[in-house]
Amino acid sequence: MAVSIRDVAELADVSVGTVSNVLNRPERVSEAVVARVHDAIRELGYVRNDAARQLRAGRSSSVGLVVLDARNPFFTDIARGAGDEASAHGVSVLLGDSDQNLEREAAYLDLFEEQRVRGVLVSPLGDEGERLERLRAHGTPVVLVDRRADGGVLSSVSVDDVAGGRIAVEHLLDLGRRRVAFVAGPLGIRQVGDRLAGAREAVGAVPDARLEVLEGASLSVFEGRRIGEQLLARDAAERPDAVFAANDLLAVGLLQALVMAGGLRVPDDIAIVGFDDIDFAEATIVALSSVRQPSRLIGQTALRILLEEADDPTLAPRQVVFQPELITRASSRPLR
């Protein structure tokens, strides 16, 4: 049976109100009484119910964060950035992984609303729609991360994915590559669609270039490896001479299939560029060129905006868009 504040009061021979003062306003209580109450707390093993206290105060010390894939280091870095900013404000971050599943995403949003968190950061799988707008209308501020918000109803912190797709493919075309494949995860994910749009812009500006789209079931190493095996099964003349992957995990899977299993030379036979520039992009079997996002800064900025909106619900929604940066490494170096 859980120890209550009344049990502490009885053992310390004080009132419940005195115990409350010791916990919340110790300057109002004598040092002797404070010591007696803390002795009782230690003896009984009492743990205060912060959730109930916050509910009474109408202000939580937690925010929720829902990411597309917690296994992806890009989202881990976003969570770290959000956590750094949260710690500076005495707030904790509760992490939910939707695993690119709409039902899991909805379940986490419902859970965070039930727990009366101060606000929610979310990287939504599909369109933000009514669910997130309703959450905000009920008094829980929402900020999108890694996705620009539509309609100006919600705030968002993202990178310009169209520009990222464009500079990745422009780089490949500048190397003289003309048969470019875009290895995608689900095209229903907005970020993937925007990166494809940028790739198409780049290819459309070069008359003899063509773009092939290879849609995958997920944004994972496994899916990249599976698509790489499909490319290996083609005749050499029918393979692309360059690949732009929608994220680094897909690119890593491609490298594993094409180089380790298939014996192709990267970039001689096929050049590869990923997206996100996760920490181990530089440590892959062939150092991976990638479009860098400021992942930790995205998390920090989104958390700061969320707390500002929690403190002042009248603030107008803001859309912060960072510019991507192409980091070139061995996987797309110029041919000799």
C-alpha atoms as a PDB file:
ATOM      1  CA  MET A   1       0.000   0.000   0.000  1.00  0.00           C
ATOM      2  CA  ALA A   2       1.373   3.423  -0.971  1.00  0.00           C
ATOM      3  CA  VAL A   3       2.501   5.711   1.822  1.00  0.00           C
ATOM      4  CA  SER A   4       0.421   8.890   1.986  1.00  0.00           C
ATOM      5  CA  ILE A   5       1.161  12.384   3.198  1.00  0.00           C
ATOM      6  CA  ARG A   6      -1.168  11.655   6.142  1.00  0.00           C
ATOM      7  CA  ASP A   7       1.103   8.776   7.201  1.00  0.00           C
ATOM      8  CA  VAL A   8       4.061  11.149   7.211  1.00  0.00           C
ATOM      9  CA  ALA A   9       2.119  13.699   9.241  1.00  0.00           C
ATOM     10  CA  GLU A  10       1.121  11.105  11.854  1.00  0.00           C
ATOM     11  CA  LEU A  11       4.659   9.772  12.283  1.00  0.00           C
ATOM     12  CA  ALA A  12       6.121  13.289  12.514  1.00  0.00           C
ATOM     13  CA  ASP A  13       3.288  14.377  14.837  1.00  0.00           C
ATOM     14  CA  VAL A  14       2.379  17.394  12.701  1.00  0.00           C
ATOM     15  CA  SER A  15      -0.552  18.381  10.490  1.00  0.00           C
ATOM     16  CA  VAL A  16      -0.890  17.489   6.802  1.00  0.00           C
ATOM     17  CA  GLY A  17      -0.601  21.201   6.054  1.00  0.00           C
ATOM     18  CA  THR A  18       2.746  21.346   7.848  1.00  0.00           C
ATOM     19  CA  VAL A  19       4.077  18.440   5.765  1.00  0.00           C
ATOM     20  CA  SER A  20       2.897  20.273   2.651  1.00  0.00           C
ATOM     21  CA  ASN A  21       4.721  23.409   3.765  1.00  0.00           C
ATOM     22  CA  VAL A  22       7.910  21.422   4.399  1.00  0.00           C
ATOM     23  CA  LEU A  23       7.748  20.038   0.871  1.00  0.00           C
ATOM     24  CA  ASN A  24       6.762  23.235  -0.917  1.00  0.00           C
ATOM     25  CA  ARG A  25       7.487  26.225   1.365  1.00  0.00           C
ATOM     26  CA  PRO A  26      10.084  25.092   3.948  1.00  0.00           C
ATOM     27  CA  GLU A  27      10.945  28.686   4.862  1.00  0.00           C
ATOM     28  CA  ARG A  28       7.592  28.867   6.695  1.00  0.00           C
ATOM     29  CA  VAL A  29       8.492  25.990   9.060  1.00  0.00           C
ATOM     30  CA  SER A  30      11.062  25.772  11.848  1.00  0.00           C
ATOM     31  CA  GLU A  31      14.257  23.834  11.179  1.00  0.00           C
ATOM     32  CA  ALA A  32      13.394  21.313  13.892  1.00  0.00           C
ATOM     33  CA  VAL A  33      10.009  20.508  12.305  1.00  0.00           C
ATOM     34  CA  VAL A  34      11.573  20.287   8.833  1.00  0.00           C
ATOM     35  CA  ALA A  35      14.109  17.776  10.133  1.00  0.00           C
ATOM     36  CA  ARG A  36      11.360  15.726  11.884  1.00  0.00           C
ATOM     37  CA  VAL A  37       9.233  15.591   8.718  1.00  0.00           C
ATOM     38  CA  HIS A  38      12.189  14.546   6.544  1.00  0.00           C
ATOM     39  CA  ASP A  39      13.062  11.832   9.078  1.00  0.00           C
ATOM     40  CA  ALA A  40       9.509  10.509   8.754  1.00  0.00           C
ATOM     41  CA  ILE A  41       9.677  10.661   4.947  1.00  0.00           C
ATOM     42  CA  ARG A  42      12.895   8.627   4.935  1.00  0.00           C
ATOM     43  CA  GLU A  43      11.592   6.078   7.444  1.00  0.00           C
ATOM     44  CA  LEU A  44       8.328   5.513   5.560  1.00  0.00           C
ATOM     45  CA  GLY A  45       9.833   5.742   2.063  1.00  0.00           C
ATOM     46  CA  TYR A  46       7.281   8.372   1.068  1.00  0.00           C
ATOM     47  CA  VAL A  47       7.363   9.544  -2.568  1.00  0.00           C
ATOM     48  CA  ARG A  48       5.398  12.685  -3.353  1.00  0.00           C
ATOM     49  CA  ASN A  49       2.799  12.491  -6.127  1.00  0.00           C
ATOM     50  CA  ASP A  50       4.034  15.194  -8.476  1.00  0.00           C
ATOM     51  CA  ALA A  51       1.419  14.323 -11.089  1.00  0.00           C
ATOM     52  CA  ALA A  52      -1.408  15.093  -8.692  1.00  0.00           C
ATOM     53  CA  ARG A  53       0.307  18.264  -7.500  1.00  0.00           C
ATOM     54  CA  GLN A  54       0.776  19.484 -11.060  1.00  0.00           C
ATOM     55  CA  LEU A  55      -2.836  18.636 -11.893  1.00  0.00           C
ATOM     56  CA  ARG A  56      -4.023  20.776  -8.989  1.00  0.00           C
ATOM     57  CA  ALA A  57      -1.730  23.587 -10.059  1.00  0.00           C
ATOM     58  CA  GLY A  58      -2.925  23.281 -13.665  1.00  0.00           C
ATOM     59  CA  ARG A  59       0.674  23.246 -14.941  1.00  0.00           C
ATOM     60  CA  SER A  60       2.704  20.163 -15.854  1.00  0.00           C
ATOM     61  CA  SER A  61       6.498  19.967 -15.783  1.00  0.00           C
ATOM     62  CA  SER A  62       6.557  17.564 -18.748  1.00  0.00           C
ATOM     63  CA  VAL A  63       6.169  17.860 -22.503  1.00  0.00           C
ATOM     64  CA  GLY A  64       5.527  15.060 -24.969  1.00  0.00           C
ATOM     65  CA  LEU A  65       7.617  14.301 -28.055  1.00  0.00           C
ATOM     66  CA  VAL A  66       6.403  11.886 -30.756  1.00  0.00           C
ATOM     67  CA  VAL A  67       8.955  10.939 -33.430  1.00  0.00           C
ATOM     68  CA  LEU A  68       8.645   8.843 -36.577  1.00  0.00           C
ATOM     69  CA  ASP A  69      11.400   6.380 -35.643  1.00  0.00           C
ATOM     70  CA  ALA A  70      13.344   6.462 -32.383  1.00  0.00           C
ATOM     71  CA  ARG A  71      15.920   4.071 -33.891  1.00  0.00           C
ATOM     72  CA  ASN A  72      16.951   6.762 -36.367  1.00  0.00           C
ATOM     73  CA  PRO A  73      19.848   8.799 -34.904  1.00  0.00           C
ATOM     74  CA  PHE A  74      18.411  11.914 -36.546  1.00  0.00           C
ATOM     75  CA  PHE A  75      15.376  11.770 -34.247  1.00  0.00           C
ATOM     76  CA  THR A  76      17.585  10.844 -31.294  1.00  0.00           C
ATOM     77  CA  ASP A  77      19.474  14.095 -31.890  1.00  0.00           C
ATOM     78  CA  ILE A  78      16.199  16.047 -32.084  1.00  0.00           C
ATOM     79  CA  ALA A  79      15.212  14.514 -28.725  1.00  0.00           C
ATOM     80  CA  ARG A  80      18.610  15.449 -27.263  1.00  0.00           C
ATOM     81  CA  GLY A  81      18.213  19.028 -28.442  1.00  0.00           C
ATOM     82  CA  ALA A  82      14.725  19.214 -26.973  1.00  0.00           C
ATOM     83  CA  GLY A  83      16.005  17.657 -23.741  1.00  0.00           C
ATOM     84  CA  ASP A  84      18.826  20.192 -23.462  1.00  0.00           C
ATOM     85  CA  GLU A  85      16.383  23.072 -23.810  1.00  0.00           C
ATOM     86  CA  ALA A  86      13.862  21.439 -21.465  1.00  0.00           C
ATOM     87  CA  SER A  87      16.475  20.973 -18.722  1.00  0.00           C
ATOM     88  CA  ALA A  88      17.278  24.668 -18.850  1.00  0.00           C
ATOM     89  CA  HIS A  89      13.620  25.369 -18.021  1.00  0.00           C
ATOM     90  CA  GLY A  90      13.128  22.651 -15.391  1.00  0.00           C
ATOM     91  CA  VAL A  91      10.987  20.560 -17.755  1.00  0.00           C
ATOM     92  CA  SER A  92      11.231  16.881 -18.686  1.00  0.00           C
ATOM     93  CA  VAL A  93      10.574  15.325 -22.110  1.00  0.00           C
ATOM     94  CA  LEU A  94       8.428  12.191 -22.486  1.00  0.00           C
ATOM     95  CA  LEU A  95       9.386  10.361 -25.692  1.00  0.00           C
ATOM     96  CA  GLY A  96       6.951   8.411 -27.861  1.00  0.00           C
ATOM     97  CA  ASP A  97       7.947   6.439 -30.971  1.00  0.00           C
ATOM     98  CA  SER A  98       5.176   6.167 -33.583  1.00  0.00           C
ATOM     99  CA  ASP A  99       7.336   3.742 -35.601  1.00  0.00           C
ATOM    100  CA  GLN A 100       5.795   5.235 -38.768  1.00  0.00           C
ATOM    101  CA  ASN A 101       2.370   3.963 -37.656  1.00  0.00           C
ATOM    102  CA  LEU A 102      -0.657   6.279 -37.572  1.00  0.00           C
ATOM    103  CA  GLU A 103      -2.441   4.309 -34.835  1.00  0.00           C
ATOM    104  CA  ARG A 104       0.593   4.439 -32.546  1.00  0.00           C
ATOM    105  CA  GLU A 105       0.967   8.142 -33.234  1.00  0.00           C
ATOM    106  CA  ALA A 106      -2.680   8.750 -32.271  1.00  0.00           C
ATOM    107  CA  ALA A 107      -2.299   6.631 -29.125  1.00  0.00           C
ATOM    108  CA  TYR A 108       0.664   8.695 -27.928  1.00  0.00           C
ATOM    109  CA  LEU A 109      -1.147  11.957 -28.632  1.00  0.00           C
ATOM    110  CA  ASP A 110      -4.150  10.716 -26.620  1.00  0.00           C
ATOM    111  CA  LEU A 111      -1.879   9.591 -23.784  1.00  0.00           C
ATOM    112  CA  PHE A 112      -0.073  12.921 -23.593  1.00  0.00           C
ATOM    113  CA  GLU A 113      -3.360  14.802 -23.586  1.00  0.00           C
ATOM    114  CA  GLU A 114      -4.667  12.593 -20.770  1.00  0.00           C
ATOM    115  CA  GLN A 115      -1.497  13.269 -18.776  1.00  0.00           C
ATOM    116  CA  ARG A 116      -2.037  17.028 -19.183  1.00  0.00           C
ATOM    117  CA  VAL A 117       1.476  17.637 -20.504  1.00  0.00           C
ATOM    118  CA  ARG A 118       2.431  21.264 -20.982  1.00  0.00           C
ATOM    119  CA  GLY A 119       2.692  20.775 -24.744  1.00  0.00           C
ATOM    120  CA  VAL A 120       3.472  18.303 -27.511  1.00  0.00           C
ATOM    121  CA  LEU A 121       6.216  18.188 -30.117  1.00  0.00           C
ATOM    122  CA  VAL A 122       5.406  15.816 -32.972  1.00  0.00           C
ATOM    123  CA  SER A 123       6.838  14.674 -36.266  1.00  0.00           C
ATOM    124  CA  PRO A 124       3.560  13.528 -37.832  1.00  0.00           C
ATOM    125  CA  LEU A 125       3.358  10.631 -40.241  1.00  0.00           C
ATOM    126  CA  GLY A 126       0.587  12.009 -42.436  1.00  0.00           C
ATOM    127  CA  ASP A 127      -1.242  15.300 -42.707  1.00  0.00           C
ATOM    128  CA  GLU A 128      -1.527  17.016 -39.339  1.00  0.00           C
ATOM    129  CA  GLY A 129      -5.290  17.341 -39.797  1.00  0.00           C
ATOM    130  CA  GLU A 130      -7.936  17.844 -37.185  1.00  0.00           C
ATOM    131  CA  ARG A 131      -6.354  15.692 -34.464  1.00  0.00           C
ATOM    132  CA  LEU A 132      -3.495  18.084 -33.750  1.00  0.00           C
ATOM    133  CA  GLU A 133      -5.646  21.182 -34.209  1.00  0.00           C
ATOM    134  CA  ARG A 134      -8.152  19.748 -31.715  1.00  0.00           C
ATOM    135  CA  LEU A 135      -5.339  19.085 -29.237  1.00  0.00           C
ATOM    136  CA  ARG A 136      -4.299  22.723 -29.489  1.00  0.00           C
ATOM    137  CA  ALA A 137      -7.905  23.903 -29.224  1.00  0.00           C
ATOM    138  CA  HIS A 138      -8.210  21.956 -25.955  1.00  0.00           C
ATOM    139  CA  GLY A 139      -5.377  23.984 -24.462  1.00  0.00           C
ATOM    140  CA  THR A 140      -2.349  21.793 -25.275  1.00  0.00           C
ATOM    141  CA  PRO A 141       0.086  23.674 -27.547  1.00  0.00           C
ATOM    142  CA  VAL A 142       1.524  21.656 -30.441  1.00  0.00           C
ATOM    143  CA  VAL A 143       4.675  22.308 -32.457  1.00  0.00           C
ATOM    144  CA  LEU A 144       5.626  20.219 -35.481  1.00  0.00           C
ATOM    145  CA  VAL A 145       9.248  19.101 -35.792  1.00  0.00           C
ATOM    146  CA  ASP A 146      10.948  18.121 -39.048  1.00  0.00           C
ATOM    147  CA  ARG A 147       7.783  19.165 -40.896  1.00  0.00           C
ATOM    148  CA  ARG A 148       6.469  22.537 -42.003  1.00  0.00           C
ATOM    149  CA  ALA A 149       2.896  23.147 -40.834  1.00  0.00           C
ATOM    150  CA  ASP A 150       0.115  23.804 -43.334  1.00  0.00           C
ATOM    151  CA  GLY A 151      -2.437  26.562 -43.021  1.00  0.00           C
ATOM    152  CA  GLY A 152      -0.676  28.619 -40.354  1.00  0.00           C
ATOM    153  CA  VAL A 153      -2.624  27.022 -37.481  1.00  0.00           C
ATOM    154  CA  LEU A 154       0.337  25.315 -35.792  1.00  0.00           C
ATOM    155  CA  SER A 155       3.944  26.317 -35.263  1.00  0.00           C
ATOM    156  CA  SER A 156       6.660  24.220 -36.861  1.00  0.00           C
ATOM    157  CA  VAL A 157      10.444  23.868 -36.968  1.00  0.00           C
ATOM    158  CA  SER A 158      11.888  22.163 -40.018  1.00  0.00           C
ATOM    159  CA  VAL A 159      14.486  22.194 -42.753  1.00  0.00           C
ATOM    160  CA  ASP A 160      13.772  23.130 -46.373  1.00  0.00           C
ATOM    161  CA  ASP A 161      13.402  19.578 -47.697  1.00  0.00           C
ATOM    162  CA  VAL A 162      12.751  20.699 -51.270  1.00  0.00           C
ATOM    163  CA  ALA A 163      16.039  22.606 -51.270  1.00  0.00           C
ATOM    164  CA  GLY A 164      17.753  19.588 -49.700  1.00  0.00           C
ATOM    165  CA  GLY A 165      16.549  17.272 -52.457  1.00  0.00           C
ATOM    166  CA  ARG A 166      17.560  19.769 -55.093  1.00  0.00           C
ATOM    167  CA  ILE A 167      21.146  20.300 -53.884  1.00  0.00           C
ATOM    168  CA  ALA A 168      21.676  16.543 -53.452  1.00  0.00           C
ATOM    169  CA  VAL A 169      20.713  15.760 -57.041  1.00  0.00           C
ATOM    170  CA  GLU A 170      22.391  18.850 -58.485  1.00  0.00           C
ATOM    171  CA  HIS A 171      25.604  17.546 -56.915  1.00  0.00           C
ATOM    172  CA  LEU A 172      25.148  14.151 -58.584  1.00  0.00           C
ATOM    173  CA  LEU A 173      24.398  15.772 -61.937  1.00  0.00           C
ATOM    174  CA  ASP A 174      27.469  18.010 -61.595  1.00  0.00           C
ATOM    175  CA  LEU A 175      29.511  14.794 -61.326  1.00  0.00           C
ATOM    176  CA  GLY A 176      28.242  13.834 -64.771  1.00  0.00           C
ATOM    177  CA  ARG A 177      25.689  11.272 -63.574  1.00  0.00           C
ATOM    178  CA  ARG A 178      22.525  11.131 -65.639  1.00  0.00           C
ATOM    179  CA  ARG A 179      20.607   8.020 -64.508  1.00  0.00           C
ATOM    180  CA  VAL A 180      19.525   9.050 -61.024  1.00  0.00           C
ATOM    181  CA  ALA A 181      17.344   6.963 -58.708  1.00  0.00           C
ATOM    182  CA  PHE A 182      15.507   8.402 -55.727  1.00  0.00           C
ATOM    183  CA  VAL A 183      15.250   5.698 -53.063  1.00  0.00           C
ATOM    184  CA  ALA A 184      12.284   6.708 -50.948  1.00  0.00           C
ATOM    185  CA  GLY A 185      10.485   5.526 -47.911  1.00  0.00           C
ATOM    186  CA  PRO A 186       6.704   5.866 -47.990  1.00  0.00           C
ATOM    187  CA  LEU A 187       5.876   8.779 -50.295  1.00  0.00           C
ATOM    188  CA  GLY A 188       2.971   9.680 -47.991  1.00  0.00           C
ATOM    189  CA  ILE A 189       5.504  11.099 -45.523  1.00  0.00           C
ATOM    190  CA  ARG A 190       5.655  14.799 -46.340  1.00  0.00           C
ATOM    191  CA  GLN A 191       9.393  15.126 -45.918  1.00  0.00           C
ATOM    192  CA  VAL A 192       9.993  12.320 -48.419  1.00  0.00           C
ATOM    193  CA  GLY A 193       7.625  13.912 -50.937  1.00  0.00           C
ATOM    194  CA  ASP A 194       9.335  17.293 -50.571  1.00  0.00           C
ATOM    195  CA  ARG A 195      12.790  15.776 -51.098  1.00  0.00           C
ATOM    196  CA  LEU A 196      11.471  14.069 -54.223  1.00  0.00           C
ATOM    197  CA  ALA A 197      10.089  17.397 -55.462  1.00  0.00           C
ATOM    198  CA  GLY A 198      13.531  18.959 -55.080  1.00  0.00           C
ATOM    199  CA  ALA A 199      15.152  16.051 -56.912  1.00  0.00           C
ATOM    200  CA  ARG A 200      12.701  16.467 -59.787  1.00  0.00           C
ATOM    201  CA  GLU A 201      13.497  20.189 -60.008  1.00  0.00           C
ATOM    202  CA  ALA A 202      17.196  19.409 -60.370  1.00  0.00           C
ATOM    203  CA  VAL A 203      16.698  16.670 -62.997  1.00  0.00           C
ATOM    204  CA  GLY A 204      14.221  18.810 -64.910  1.00  0.00           C
ATOM    205  CA  ALA A 205      16.918  21.426 -65.488  1.00  0.00           C
ATOM    206  CA  VAL A 206      19.222  18.936 -67.283  1.00  0.00           C
ATOM    207  CA  PRO A 207      17.753  17.724 -70.608  1.00  0.00           C
ATOM    208  CA  ASP A 208      19.533  14.351 -70.837  1.00  0.00           C
ATOM    209  CA  ALA A 209      19.026  13.374 -67.169  1.00  0.00           C
ATOM    210  CA  ARG A 210      16.287  11.096 -65.918  1.00  0.00           C
ATOM    211  CA  LEU A 211      14.947  10.262 -62.480  1.00  0.00           C
ATOM    212  CA  GLU A 212      13.627   6.890 -61.324  1.00  0.00           C
ATOM    213  CA  VAL A 213      11.616   6.677 -58.085  1.00  0.00           C
ATOM    214  CA  LEU A 214      11.965   3.516 -55.974  1.00  0.00           C
ATOM    215  CA  GLU A 215       9.421   3.658 -53.162  1.00  0.00           C
ATOM    216  CA  GLY A 216      10.106   1.662 -50.015  1.00  0.00           C
ATOM    217  CA  ALA A 217       7.906   0.476 -47.182  1.00  0.00           C
ATOM    218  CA  SER A 218       9.940   2.270 -44.508  1.00  0.00           C
ATOM    219  CA  LEU A 219      12.877   4.600 -43.930  1.00  0.00           C
ATOM    220  CA  SER A 220      15.149   1.875 -42.597  1.00  0.00           C
ATOM    221  CA  VAL A 221      18.485   0.150 -43.202  1.00  0.00           C
ATOM    222  CA  PHE A 222      16.612  -3.074 -43.959  1.00  0.00           C
ATOM    223  CA  GLU A 223      14.561  -1.371 -46.668  1.00  0.00           C
ATOM    224  CA  GLY A 224      17.663   0.204 -48.197  1.00  0.00           C
ATOM    225  CA  ARG A 225      19.307  -3.197 -48.284  1.00  0.00           C
ATOM    226  CA  ARG A 226      16.255  -4.740 -49.957  1.00  0.00           C
ATOM    227  CA  ILE A 227      16.167  -2.066 -52.669  1.00  0.00           C
ATOM    228  CA  GLY A 228      19.930  -2.428 -53.141  1.00  0.00           C
ATOM    229  CA  GLU A 229      19.453  -6.148 -53.797  1.00  0.00           C
ATOM    230  CA  GLN A 230      16.846  -5.299 -56.429  1.00  0.00           C
ATOM    231  CA  LEU A 231      19.306  -2.976 -58.160  1.00  0.00           C
ATOM    232  CA  LEU A 232      21.969  -5.694 -58.101  1.00  0.00           C
ATOM    233  CA  ALA A 233      19.601  -8.051 -59.900  1.00  0.00           C
ATOM    234  CA  ARG A 234      19.466  -5.712 -62.913  1.00  0.00           C
ATOM    235  CA  ASP A 235      21.858  -5.728 -65.824  1.00  0.00           C
ATOM    236  CA  ALA A 236      24.625  -3.181 -65.315  1.00  0.00           C
ATOM    237  CA  ALA A 237      23.364  -0.999 -68.177  1.00  0.00           C
ATOM    238  CA  GLU A 238      19.920  -0.793 -66.560  1.00  0.00           C
ATOM    239  CA  ARG A 239      21.145   0.290 -63.141  1.00  0.00           C
ATOM    240  CA  PRO A 240      21.222   3.957 -62.127  1.00  0.00           C
ATOM    241  CA  ASP A 241      24.660   5.536 -61.994  1.00  0.00           C
ATOM    242  CA  ALA A 242      23.642   7.646 -58.981  1.00  0.00           C
ATOM    243  CA  VAL A 243      21.264   7.288 -56.034  1.00  0.00           C
ATOM    244  CA  PHE A 244      19.783   9.913 -53.767  1.00  0.00           C
ATOM    245  CA  ALA A 245      18.329   8.238 -50.660  1.00  0.00           C
ATOM    246  CA  ALA A 246      15.550   9.899 -48.672  1.00  0.00           C
ATOM    247  CA  ASN A 247      17.533   9.403 -45.462  1.00  0.00           C
ATOM    248  CA  ASP A 248      20.871   8.071 -44.283  1.00  0.00           C
ATOM    249  CA  LEU A 249      19.477   4.772 -42.985  1.00  0.00           C
ATOM    250  CA  LEU A 250      18.285   3.882 -46.477  1.00  0.00           C
ATOM    251  CA  ALA A 251      21.671   4.945 -47.858  1.00  0.00           C
ATOM    252  CA  VAL A 252      23.518   2.751 -45.342  1.00  0.00           C
ATOM    253  CA  GLY A 253      21.386  -0.244 -46.372  1.00  0.00           C
ATOM    254  CA  LEU A 254      22.161   0.473 -50.025  1.00  0.00           C
ATOM    255  CA  LEU A 255      25.881   0.569 -49.282  1.00  0.00           C
ATOM    256  CA  GLN A 256      25.677  -2.751 -47.462  1.00  0.00           C
ATOM    257  CA  ALA A 257      23.921  -4.429 -50.394  1.00  0.00           C
ATOM    258  CA  LEU A 258      25.849  -2.850 -53.264  1.00  0.00           C
ATOM    259  CA  VAL A 259      29.367  -2.925 -51.827  1.00  0.00           C
ATOM    260  CA  MET A 260      29.523  -5.705 -49.252  1.00  0.00           C
ATOM    261  CA  ALA A 261      27.174  -8.174 -50.961  1.00  0.00           C
ATOM    262  CA  GLY A 262      27.275  -7.072 -54.586  1.00  0.00           C
ATOM    263  CA  GLY A 263      30.880  -6.045 -55.007  1.00  0.00           C
ATOM    264  CA  LEU A 264      30.065  -2.777 -56.789  1.00  0.00           C
ATOM    265  CA  ARG A 265      32.423   0.170 -56.483  1.00  0.00           C
ATOM    266  CA  VAL A 266      31.040   3.306 -54.871  1.00  0.00           C
ATOM    267  CA  PRO A 267      31.234   5.892 -56.357  1.00  0.00           C
ATOM    268  CA  ASP A 268      32.828   4.468 -59.542  1.00  0.00           C
ATOM    269  CA  ASP A 269      29.878   2.245 -60.473  1.00  0.00           C
ATOM    270  CA  ILE A 270      27.232   4.169 -58.568  1.00  0.00           C
ATOM    271  CA  ALA A 271      27.386   7.370 -56.510  1.00  0.00           C
ATOM    272  CA  ILE A 272      25.230   7.706 -53.365  1.00  0.00           C
ATOM    273  CA  VAL A 273      23.986  10.685 -51.356  1.00  0.00           C
ATOM    274  CA  GLY A 274      21.869  10.364 -48.212  1.00  0.00           C
ATOM    275  CA  PHE A 275      19.907  12.829 -46.099  1.00  0.00           C
ATOM    276  CA  ASP A 276      20.247  13.887 -42.411  1.00  0.00           C
ATOM    277  CA  ASP A 277      24.041  13.474 -41.965  1.00  0.00           C
ATOM    278  CA  ILE A 278      23.693  11.295 -38.880  1.00  0.00           C
ATOM    279  CA  ASP A 279      26.810  10.769 -36.763  1.00  0.00           C
ATOM    280  CA  PHE A 280      27.928   7.508 -38.330  1.00  0.00           C
ATOM    281  CA  ALA A 281      27.462   8.661 -41.958  1.00  0.00           C
ATOM    282  CA  GLU A 282      31.200   9.364 -41.991  1.00  0.00           C
ATOM    283  CA  ALA A 283      32.012   5.924 -40.547  1.00  0.00           C
ATOM    284  CA  THR A 284      30.238   3.717 -43.111  1.00  0.00           C
ATOM    285  CA  ILE A 285      32.156   1.288 -45.344  1.00  0.00           C
ATOM    286  CA  VAL A 286      32.370   4.153 -47.848  1.00  0.00           C
ATOM    287  CA  ALA A 287      32.070   7.531 -46.134  1.00  0.00           C
ATOM    288  CA  LEU A 288      28.596   8.761 -47.017  1.00  0.00           C
ATOM    289  CA  SER A 289      27.816  12.110 -48.628  1.00  0.00           C
ATOM    290  CA  SER A 290      24.678  13.524 -47.054  1.00  0.00           C
ATOM    291  CA  VAL A 291      22.416  16.548 -46.783  1.00  0.00           C
ATOM    292  CA  ARG A 292      22.870  17.851 -43.248  1.00  0.00           C
ATOM    293  CA  GLN A 293      20.000  18.975 -41.055  1.00  0.00           C
ATOM    294  CA  PRO A 294      20.685  20.869 -37.798  1.00  0.00           C
ATOM    295  CA  SER A 295      18.877  18.169 -35.820  1.00  0.00           C
ATOM    296  CA  ARG A 296      19.728  19.280 -32.272  1.00  0.00           C
ATOM    297  CA  LEU A 297      18.967  22.899 -33.130  1.00  0.00           C
ATOM    298  CA  ILE A 298      15.586  21.808 -34.513  1.00  0.00           C
ATOM    299  CA  GLY A 299      14.789  20.114 -31.190  1.00  0.00           C
ATOM    300  CA  GLN A 300      15.993  23.065 -29.096  1.00  0.00           C
ATOM    301  CA  THR A 301      14.094  25.629 -31.153  1.00  0.00           C
ATOM    302  CA  ALA A 302      10.873  23.615 -31.191  1.00  0.00           C
ATOM    303  CA  LEU A 303      10.944  23.112 -27.415  1.00  0.00           C
ATOM    304  CA  ARG A 304      11.552  26.810 -26.803  1.00  0.00           C
ATOM    305  CA  ILE A 305       8.626  27.805 -29.039  1.00  0.00           C
ATOM    306  CA  LEU A 306       6.420  25.212 -27.330  1.00  0.00           C
ATOM    307  CA  LEU A 307       7.109  26.607 -23.852  1.00  0.00           C
ATOM    308  CA  GLU A 308       6.547  30.158 -25.076  1.00  0.00           C
ATOM    309  CA  GLU A 309       3.152  29.158 -26.463  1.00  0.00           C
ATOM    310  CA  ALA A 310       2.308  27.315 -23.244  1.00  0.00           C
ATOM    311  CA  ASP A 311       3.028  30.487 -21.273  1.00  0.00           C
ATOM    312  CA  ASP A 312       1.181  32.737 -23.741  1.00  0.00           C
ATOM    313  CA  PRO A 313      -1.576  31.003 -25.770  1.00  0.00           C
ATOM    314  CA  THR A 314      -2.221  34.238 -27.701  1.00  0.00           C
ATOM    315  CA  LEU A 315       1.083  33.984 -29.593  1.00  0.00           C
ATOM    316  CA  ALA A 316       0.691  33.597 -33.342  1.00  0.00           C
ATOM    317  CA  PRO A 317       1.995  30.326 -34.837  1.00  0.00           C
ATOM    318  CA  ARG A 318       5.514  30.502 -36.252  1.00  0.00           C
ATOM    319  CA  GLN A 319       7.206  28.510 -39.021  1.00  0.00           C
ATOM    320  CA  VAL A 320      10.967  28.281 -38.583  1.00  0.00           C
ATOM    321  CA  VAL A 321      12.744  26.819 -41.618  1.00  0.00           C
ATOM    322  CA  PHE A 322      16.469  26.054 -41.566  1.00  0.00           C
ATOM    323  CA  GLN A 323      18.492  25.690 -44.746  1.00  0.00           C
ATOM    324  CA  PRO A 324      20.164  22.309 -45.428  1.00  0.00           C
ATOM    325  CA  GLU A 325      23.867  21.868 -46.190  1.00  0.00           C
ATOM    326  CA  LEU A 326      25.416  19.294 -48.528  1.00  0.00           C
ATOM    327  CA  ILE A 327      28.336  17.398 -46.956  1.00  0.00           C
ATOM    328  CA  THR A 328      30.348  15.596 -49.641  1.00  0.00           C
ATOM    329  CA  ARG A 329      32.403  12.507 -48.845  1.00  0.00           C
ATOM    330  CA  ALA A 330      33.788   9.478 -50.661  1.00  0.00           C
ATOM    331  CA  SER A 331      30.431   8.039 -51.773  1.00  0.00           C
ATOM    332  CA  SER A 332      30.025  10.829 -54.339  1.00  0.00           C
ATOM    333  CA  ARG A 333      33.519  12.041 -55.114  1.00  0.00           C
ATOM    334  CA  PRO A 334      34.317  12.976 -58.732  1.00  0.00           C
ATOM    335  CA  LEU A 335      35.597  10.161 -60.951  1.00  0.00           C
ATOM    336  CA  ARG A 336      39.261  10.310 -61.891  1.00  0.00           C
END
